[in-house]
Amino acid sequence: MRKRTFRLLAALNRKVLPKQWHRDLARLSKVRLALVAYRYWVTRNAL
């Protein structure tokens, strides 16, 4: 159940949230860094 929820959330994130991989992470604002961290957390739990 938990893994399925995180996989669904990861699929939703891919469609809705902007991708940050092409940007320098050191130059991102705090909000964008929080989005990167959130996406990482969801991906880790989905695997």
N, C-alpha and C. Protein backbone atom coordinates (compact mmCIF):
# COMPACT_ATOMS: atom_id res chain seq x y z
N MET A 1 0.82 -1.20 0.00
CA MET A 1 0.00 0.00 0.00
C MET A 1 0.87 1.26 0.00
N ARG A 2 1.87 1.28 0.88
CA ARG A 2 2.73 2.46 0.97
C ARG A 2 3.52 2.67 -0.31
N LYS A 3 4.10 1.60 -0.82
CA LYS A 3 4.90 1.71 -2.04
C LYS A 3 4.03 2.14 -3.23
N ARG A 4 2.84 1.63 -3.29
CA ARG A 4 1.92 2.00 -4.36
C ARG A 4 1.57 3.49 -4.28
N THR A 5 1.37 3.98 -3.08
CA THR A 5 1.06 5.40 -2.87
C THR A 5 2.21 6.28 -3.34
N PHE A 6 3.43 5.90 -2.97
CA PHE A 6 4.59 6.70 -3.37
C PHE A 6 4.84 6.62 -4.87
N ARG A 7 4.55 5.49 -5.48
CA ARG A 7 4.70 5.40 -6.94
C ARG A 7 3.69 6.29 -7.65
N LEU A 8 2.48 6.33 -7.15
CA LEU A 8 1.47 7.21 -7.70
C LEU A 8 1.88 8.68 -7.51
N LEU A 9 2.40 8.99 -6.34
CA LEU A 9 2.86 10.35 -6.06
C LEU A 9 4.04 10.72 -6.96
N ALA A 10 4.94 9.79 -7.21
CA ALA A 10 6.08 10.05 -8.10
C ALA A 10 5.61 10.30 -9.53
N ALA A 11 4.64 9.54 -9.98
CA ALA A 11 4.10 9.76 -11.33
C ALA A 11 3.43 11.12 -11.44
N LEU A 12 2.72 11.50 -10.41
CA LEU A 12 2.08 12.82 -10.38
C LEU A 12 3.14 13.93 -10.37
N ASN A 13 4.20 13.74 -9.61
CA ASN A 13 5.28 14.73 -9.56
C ASN A 13 5.94 14.91 -10.92
N ARG A 14 6.12 13.82 -11.65
CA ARG A 14 6.74 13.92 -12.97
C ARG A 14 5.91 14.77 -13.92
N LYS A 15 4.61 14.70 -13.77
CA LYS A 15 3.73 15.45 -14.66
C LYS A 15 3.54 16.90 -14.23
N VAL A 16 3.56 17.17 -12.93
CA VAL A 16 3.18 18.49 -12.42
C VAL A 16 4.37 19.37 -12.07
N LEU A 17 5.33 18.83 -11.34
CA LEU A 17 6.43 19.66 -10.83
C LEU A 17 7.51 19.87 -11.88
N PRO A 18 8.17 21.03 -11.86
CA PRO A 18 9.24 21.30 -12.82
C PRO A 18 10.48 20.46 -12.50
N LYS A 19 11.25 20.18 -13.54
CA LYS A 19 12.49 19.43 -13.36
C LYS A 19 13.62 20.40 -13.04
N GLN A 20 14.48 20.02 -12.10
CA GLN A 20 15.57 20.89 -11.67
C GLN A 20 16.94 20.30 -12.01
N TRP A 21 16.99 19.17 -12.68
CA TRP A 21 18.27 18.49 -12.87
C TRP A 21 19.21 19.26 -13.78
N HIS A 22 18.71 20.11 -14.66
CA HIS A 22 19.57 20.84 -15.59
C HIS A 22 20.11 22.13 -14.98
N ARG A 23 19.76 22.43 -13.75
CA ARG A 23 20.22 23.64 -13.09
C ARG A 23 21.27 23.31 -12.04
N ASP A 24 22.09 24.29 -11.72
CA ASP A 24 23.10 24.13 -10.68
C ASP A 24 22.38 24.15 -9.33
N LEU A 25 22.48 23.08 -8.57
CA LEU A 25 21.76 22.98 -7.31
C LEU A 25 22.23 24.01 -6.29
N ALA A 26 23.47 24.44 -6.38
CA ALA A 26 23.99 25.43 -5.43
C ALA A 26 23.36 26.80 -5.64
N ARG A 27 22.80 27.04 -6.80
CA ARG A 27 22.24 28.36 -7.11
C ARG A 27 20.72 28.42 -6.98
N LEU A 28 20.10 27.32 -6.59
CA LEU A 28 18.64 27.30 -6.47
C LEU A 28 18.19 28.03 -5.21
N SER A 29 16.99 28.58 -5.27
CA SER A 29 16.41 29.23 -4.09
C SER A 29 16.00 28.16 -3.08
N LYS A 30 15.66 28.60 -1.90
CA LYS A 30 15.27 27.66 -0.83
C LYS A 30 14.00 26.88 -1.20
N VAL A 31 13.09 27.54 -1.87
CA VAL A 31 11.85 26.87 -2.27
C VAL A 31 12.15 25.78 -3.29
N ARG A 32 12.98 26.09 -4.27
CA ARG A 32 13.33 25.09 -5.29
C ARG A 32 14.14 23.95 -4.70
N LEU A 33 15.02 24.26 -3.73
CA LEU A 33 15.75 23.20 -3.05
C LEU A 33 14.80 22.29 -2.27
N ALA A 34 13.78 22.88 -1.69
CA ALA A 34 12.78 22.08 -0.98
C ALA A 34 12.04 21.16 -1.95
N LEU A 35 11.75 21.65 -3.16
CA LEU A 35 11.10 20.80 -4.17
C LEU A 35 12.01 19.65 -4.59
N VAL A 36 13.30 19.93 -4.75
CA VAL A 36 14.25 18.87 -5.11
C VAL A 36 14.30 17.83 -3.99
N ALA A 37 14.35 18.29 -2.75
CA ALA A 37 14.39 17.36 -1.62
C ALA A 37 13.11 16.53 -1.53
N TYR A 38 11.98 17.16 -1.79
CA TYR A 38 10.70 16.45 -1.77
C TYR A 38 10.65 15.38 -2.84
N ARG A 39 11.10 15.74 -4.05
CA ARG A 39 11.10 14.76 -5.15
C ARG A 39 12.05 13.60 -4.83
N TYR A 40 13.19 13.90 -4.22
CA TYR A 40 14.14 12.86 -3.83
C TYR A 40 13.50 11.92 -2.79
N TRP A 41 12.83 12.50 -1.81
CA TRP A 41 12.19 11.71 -0.76
C TRP A 41 11.12 10.79 -1.34
N VAL A 42 10.33 11.30 -2.26
CA VAL A 42 9.28 10.49 -2.88
C VAL A 42 9.90 9.38 -3.71
N THR A 43 10.95 9.70 -4.46
CA THR A 43 11.61 8.70 -5.30
C THR A 43 12.22 7.59 -4.45
N ARG A 44 12.88 7.96 -3.36
CA ARG A 44 13.49 6.96 -2.48
C ARG A 44 12.42 6.01 -1.91
N ASN A 45 11.29 6.55 -1.54
CA ASN A 45 10.23 5.71 -0.97
C ASN A 45 9.50 4.90 -2.03
N ALA A 46 9.54 5.35 -3.27
CA ALA A 46 8.86 4.62 -4.34
C ALA A 46 9.68 3.43 -4.83
N LEU A 47 10.97 3.45 -4.59
CA LEU A 47 11.83 2.35 -5.08
C LEU A 47 11.82 1.16 -4.16
